[in-house]
Amino acid sequence: GNVIRIYSVFGNPNVFGEFLTLTVPIVFAGFNLQRNKIFKSIYGLVFLLGMLNVLLTFSRGSMLSIFIVMVMIVVFKDRKYLPLLFVMILLSPLVMPSSLLERILTIFQGGDTSTSYRVSIYMASSDMLRDHLLTGVGLGNFKVLYNAYAYSAAKSFHAHNTVLMVFIELGLMGLLAWLYMMFVWTREVLSSQKTDSEWSYYAFAAFAGVLGCTLQGMVDHIWHNYDILFFYFFMIAFGFIASNIAKEQLNDEK
């Protein structure tokens, strides 16, 4: 049946879900690290509302991404929540509204209009990539050239895949540069996990959020919205700064 999908100030439920995937992990870290009971309660309330909002976006990509993000944080940083996480997974099909459950289950089913629409765009995008493999088409030129490659009536301003979009617009060297940047950043954040400081927790939360949002970028172009583009790289910067502070604290202890 028809469902009402919320989108806050972002104008699109998927975009709102991407924003929540990036920011909710930081709120969760704040909740666990905050010692003041009042602030801890505020963090906890904001976290619960954030998770509820992810569900109310009915964005399959966001729901799957935030689930992976929270599992990562619980497994690697806060294992005391493992039993609770396990119970929630078991009980969720029983307490979840049928409309939400049906939406989630379509992730594992083929044939819906959203999936077939994307497949058509991926086919056209692949053709465009094949013709401009090394140099790319240039930033912002995808939507200019797309009509020449489009299949049937599937209109689009982007490739519905962030990695594919970077490859198409920036070419092979642009893609390799972005992947190298992400590799260096990941190595920086993970190397700070040797210390058990608050900053290493925040660094990992930022890392998990960016990774989750990037996974969502496998089925959507997350950077077509400038707000998400800003918050994506803001979280990368925050993760980098937090990991450096954590490593400085470790060096000072030595």
Protein backbone atom coordinates (compact mmCIF):
# COMPACT_ATOMS: atom_id res chain seq x y z
CA GLY A 1 0.00 0.00 0.00
CA ASN A 2 0.89 3.66 -0.08
CA VAL A 3 3.22 4.89 2.64
CA ILE A 4 4.17 8.38 3.75
CA ARG A 5 7.95 8.84 3.56
CA ILE A 6 9.49 11.64 5.63
CA TYR A 7 12.30 13.81 4.28
CA SER A 8 12.75 16.69 6.80
CA VAL A 9 14.37 19.72 5.10
CA PHE A 10 16.14 17.65 2.43
CA GLY A 11 13.27 17.31 -0.05
CA ASN A 12 13.96 13.61 -0.61
CA PRO A 13 13.65 10.64 1.81
CA ASN A 14 16.81 8.94 0.49
CA VAL A 15 18.85 12.10 1.04
CA PHE A 16 17.51 12.48 4.59
CA GLY A 17 18.45 8.83 5.20
CA GLU A 18 21.99 9.50 3.96
CA PHE A 19 22.30 12.46 6.35
CA LEU A 20 21.15 10.29 9.27
CA THR A 21 23.57 7.49 8.31
CA LEU A 22 26.43 10.00 8.50
CA THR A 23 25.43 11.71 11.75
CA VAL A 24 23.60 9.17 13.97
CA PRO A 25 26.83 7.20 14.71
CA ILE A 26 28.40 10.36 16.19
CA VAL A 27 25.32 10.84 18.40
CA PHE A 28 25.59 7.20 19.54
CA ALA A 29 29.26 7.76 20.41
CA GLY A 30 28.31 10.87 22.38
CA PHE A 31 25.67 8.92 24.29
CA ASN A 32 28.20 6.28 25.33
CA LEU A 33 31.01 8.69 26.17
CA GLN A 34 29.00 11.39 27.96
CA ARG A 35 29.18 11.18 31.78
CA ASN A 36 26.74 13.96 32.60
CA LYS A 37 23.34 12.27 33.02
CA ILE A 38 21.35 15.16 31.53
CA PHE A 39 23.51 15.36 28.40
CA LYS A 40 23.58 11.56 28.20
CA SER A 41 19.77 11.54 28.20
CA ILE A 42 19.68 14.16 25.44
CA TYR A 43 22.13 12.18 23.31
CA GLY A 44 20.09 9.01 23.91
CA LEU A 45 16.82 10.70 22.91
CA VAL A 46 18.34 12.21 19.76
CA PHE A 47 19.82 8.81 18.84
CA LEU A 48 16.46 7.02 19.22
CA LEU A 49 14.65 9.72 17.24
CA GLY A 50 17.36 9.51 14.56
CA MET A 51 16.96 5.73 14.24
CA LEU A 52 13.16 6.11 14.10
CA ASN A 53 13.54 8.71 11.36
CA VAL A 54 15.69 6.32 9.32
CA LEU A 55 12.81 3.83 9.40
CA LEU A 56 10.25 6.52 8.52
CA THR A 57 12.21 7.53 5.41
CA PHE A 58 11.36 4.04 4.08
CA SER A 59 14.72 4.26 2.30
CA ARG A 60 15.92 0.68 1.83
CA GLY A 61 19.50 1.80 1.27
CA SER A 62 19.50 3.90 4.45
CA MET A 63 17.94 1.17 6.60
CA LEU A 64 20.48 -1.39 5.42
CA SER A 65 23.37 1.08 5.76
CA ILE A 66 22.50 2.21 9.32
CA PHE A 67 22.11 -1.43 10.35
CA ILE A 68 25.61 -2.25 9.06
CA VAL A 69 26.99 0.91 10.73
CA MET A 70 25.50 0.08 14.13
CA VAL A 71 26.70 -3.55 13.95
CA MET A 72 30.22 -2.27 13.17
CA ILE A 73 30.24 0.10 16.16
CA VAL A 74 28.79 -2.48 18.55
CA VAL A 75 31.18 -5.25 17.45
CA PHE A 76 34.35 -3.13 17.36
CA LYS A 77 33.73 -0.48 20.05
CA ASP A 78 30.84 -1.39 22.38
CA ARG A 79 30.29 -5.12 22.70
CA LYS A 80 28.12 -4.68 25.78
CA TYR A 81 25.27 -4.01 23.33
CA LEU A 82 25.69 -7.32 21.47
CA PRO A 83 22.95 -9.19 23.41
CA LEU A 84 20.54 -6.26 22.92
CA LEU A 85 21.36 -6.11 19.21
CA PHE A 86 20.75 -9.84 18.86
CA VAL A 87 17.38 -9.62 20.65
CA MET A 88 16.31 -6.63 18.52
CA ILE A 89 17.14 -8.51 15.30
CA LEU A 90 15.06 -11.50 16.46
CA LEU A 91 12.08 -9.41 17.59
CA SER A 92 12.03 -6.83 14.77
CA PRO A 93 9.90 -8.92 12.34
CA LEU A 94 7.29 -9.37 15.09
CA VAL A 95 6.94 -5.73 16.16
CA MET A 96 7.69 -3.93 12.89
CA PRO A 97 4.71 -2.45 10.96
CA SER A 98 3.81 -4.58 7.93
CA SER A 99 4.34 -1.66 5.49
CA LEU A 100 7.90 -1.20 6.77
CA LEU A 101 8.64 -4.93 6.71
CA GLU A 102 7.38 -5.21 3.13
CA ARG A 103 9.60 -2.30 2.11
CA ILE A 104 12.69 -3.92 3.68
CA LEU A 105 11.96 -7.29 2.06
CA THR A 106 11.96 -5.70 -1.40
CA ILE A 107 15.75 -5.29 -0.96
CA PHE A 108 16.03 -9.03 -1.58
CA GLN A 109 13.43 -9.18 -4.37
CA GLY A 110 13.92 -8.26 -7.99
CA GLY A 111 11.43 -6.86 -10.43
CA ASP A 112 10.19 -3.71 -8.69
CA THR A 113 10.06 -0.48 -10.69
CA SER A 114 12.84 1.21 -8.71
CA THR A 115 15.27 -1.63 -9.45
CA SER A 116 14.41 -1.94 -13.16
CA TYR A 117 14.68 1.86 -13.51
CA ARG A 118 18.19 1.77 -12.03
CA VAL A 119 19.29 -1.16 -14.23
CA SER A 120 18.37 0.86 -17.32
CA ILE A 121 20.42 3.82 -16.03
CA TYR A 122 23.39 1.56 -15.18
CA MET A 123 23.38 0.15 -18.73
CA ALA A 124 23.43 3.64 -20.26
CA SER A 125 26.09 4.79 -17.77
CA SER A 126 28.29 1.80 -18.64
CA ASP A 127 28.08 2.71 -22.33
CA MET A 128 29.09 6.29 -21.51
CA LEU A 129 31.99 5.07 -19.37
CA ARG A 130 33.24 2.78 -22.12
CA ASP A 131 33.52 5.75 -24.49
CA HIS A 132 35.33 8.00 -21.94
CA LEU A 133 37.24 5.50 -19.81
CA LEU A 134 40.54 7.33 -19.29
CA THR A 135 39.64 11.02 -19.31
CA GLY A 136 36.04 10.97 -18.09
CA VAL A 137 33.35 13.32 -19.40
CA GLY A 138 34.19 16.13 -16.95
CA LEU A 139 32.43 17.34 -13.82
CA GLY A 140 28.75 18.09 -14.37
CA ASN A 141 28.70 16.73 -17.91
CA PHE A 142 26.92 13.44 -17.17
CA LYS A 143 23.46 15.01 -17.39
CA VAL A 144 24.47 16.77 -20.64
CA LEU A 145 25.50 13.53 -22.37
CA TYR A 146 23.05 11.11 -20.75
CA ASN A 147 20.23 11.60 -23.29
CA ALA A 148 22.52 10.34 -26.05
CA TYR A 149 23.03 7.07 -24.16
CA ALA A 150 19.65 6.65 -22.40
CA TYR A 151 17.69 3.43 -22.70
CA SER A 152 13.90 3.71 -23.15
CA ALA A 153 12.34 6.44 -20.99
CA ALA A 154 14.64 6.22 -17.95
CA LYS A 155 15.62 9.85 -17.42
CA SER A 156 18.35 10.70 -14.92
CA PHE A 157 20.76 13.46 -13.95
CA HIS A 158 23.24 11.01 -12.39
CA ALA A 159 24.30 7.36 -12.55
CA HIS A 160 22.63 6.27 -9.27
CA ASN A 161 26.02 4.98 -8.12
CA THR A 162 28.63 7.32 -6.61
CA VAL A 163 31.69 5.23 -7.56
CA LEU A 164 30.40 4.87 -11.12
CA MET A 165 29.66 8.61 -11.21
CA VAL A 166 33.23 9.48 -10.09
CA PHE A 167 34.60 7.08 -12.74
CA ILE A 168 32.41 8.53 -15.53
CA GLU A 169 33.04 12.21 -14.76
CA LEU A 170 36.70 12.08 -13.64
CA GLY A 171 37.99 9.08 -15.58
CA LEU A 172 40.33 6.34 -14.38
CA MET A 173 42.85 8.68 -12.75
CA GLY A 174 40.10 10.53 -10.88
CA LEU A 175 38.67 7.27 -9.57
CA LEU A 176 42.10 6.03 -8.46
CA ALA A 177 42.80 9.37 -6.72
CA TRP A 178 39.53 9.16 -4.77
CA LEU A 179 40.10 5.50 -3.83
CA TYR A 180 43.64 6.32 -2.67
CA MET A 181 42.33 9.20 -0.53
CA MET A 182 39.78 6.86 1.08
CA PHE A 183 42.48 4.21 1.66
CA VAL A 184 44.81 6.70 3.38
CA TRP A 185 41.94 8.01 5.52
CA THR A 186 40.81 4.51 6.50
CA ARG A 187 44.37 3.56 7.46
CA GLU A 188 44.66 6.75 9.54
CA VAL A 189 41.43 6.11 11.47
CA LEU A 190 42.08 2.41 12.07
CA SER A 191 45.64 3.09 13.28
CA SER A 192 44.18 5.33 16.01
CA GLN A 193 42.15 2.43 17.42
CA LYS A 194 45.19 1.20 19.37
CA THR A 195 44.16 3.64 22.08
CA ASP A 196 40.87 3.34 23.96
CA SER A 197 40.31 7.09 24.21
CA GLU A 198 37.09 9.00 23.57
CA TRP A 199 38.62 10.47 20.41
CA SER A 200 39.34 7.06 18.93
CA TYR A 201 35.66 6.17 19.51
CA TYR A 202 34.53 9.35 17.72
CA ALA A 203 36.98 8.65 14.89
CA PHE A 204 35.57 5.14 14.43
CA ALA A 205 31.97 6.45 14.59
CA ALA A 206 32.78 8.93 11.80
CA PHE A 207 34.46 6.14 9.83
CA ALA A 208 31.44 3.85 10.22
CA GLY A 209 29.03 6.61 9.16
CA VAL A 210 31.06 7.48 6.05
CA LEU A 211 31.40 3.80 5.16
CA GLY A 212 27.65 3.30 5.58
CA CYS A 213 26.86 6.31 3.42
CA THR A 214 29.38 5.10 0.81
CA LEU A 215 27.63 1.72 0.74
CA GLN A 216 24.37 3.55 0.09
CA GLY A 217 26.24 5.24 -2.74
CA MET A 218 26.34 1.86 -4.48
CA VAL A 219 22.63 2.29 -5.31
CA ASP A 220 22.38 6.09 -5.42
CA HIS A 221 24.60 9.09 -6.16
CA ILE A 222 24.95 10.48 -2.64
CA TRP A 223 26.83 13.60 -3.77
CA HIS A 224 24.15 14.96 -6.08
CA ASN A 225 22.86 16.77 -2.98
CA TYR A 226 25.35 19.41 -1.81
CA ASP A 227 24.28 19.07 1.84
CA ILE A 228 25.32 15.40 1.82
CA LEU A 229 28.49 16.25 -0.10
CA PHE A 230 29.38 18.74 2.67
CA PHE A 231 28.57 16.40 5.56
CA TYR A 232 30.36 13.47 3.87
CA PHE A 233 33.66 15.34 3.67
CA PHE A 234 33.04 17.06 7.01
CA MET A 235 32.86 13.60 8.63
CA ILE A 236 36.04 12.57 6.82
CA ALA A 237 37.76 15.68 8.23
CA PHE A 238 36.30 15.04 11.69
CA GLY A 239 37.47 11.41 11.62
CA PHE A 240 40.95 12.51 10.57
CA ILE A 241 41.20 15.15 13.32
CA ALA A 242 39.81 12.81 16.00
CA SER A 243 42.21 10.02 15.05
CA ASN A 244 45.17 12.41 15.21
CA ILE A 245 44.15 13.65 18.67
CA ALA A 246 43.79 10.02 19.83
CA LYS A 247 47.28 9.16 18.54
CA GLU A 248 48.78 12.26 20.17
CA GLN A 249 47.24 11.21 23.48
CA LEU A 250 48.77 7.75 23.05
CA ASN A 251 52.19 9.28 22.38
CA ASP A 252 51.87 11.53 25.44
CA GLU A 253 51.09 8.51 27.61
CA LYS A 254 54.27 6.83 26.43
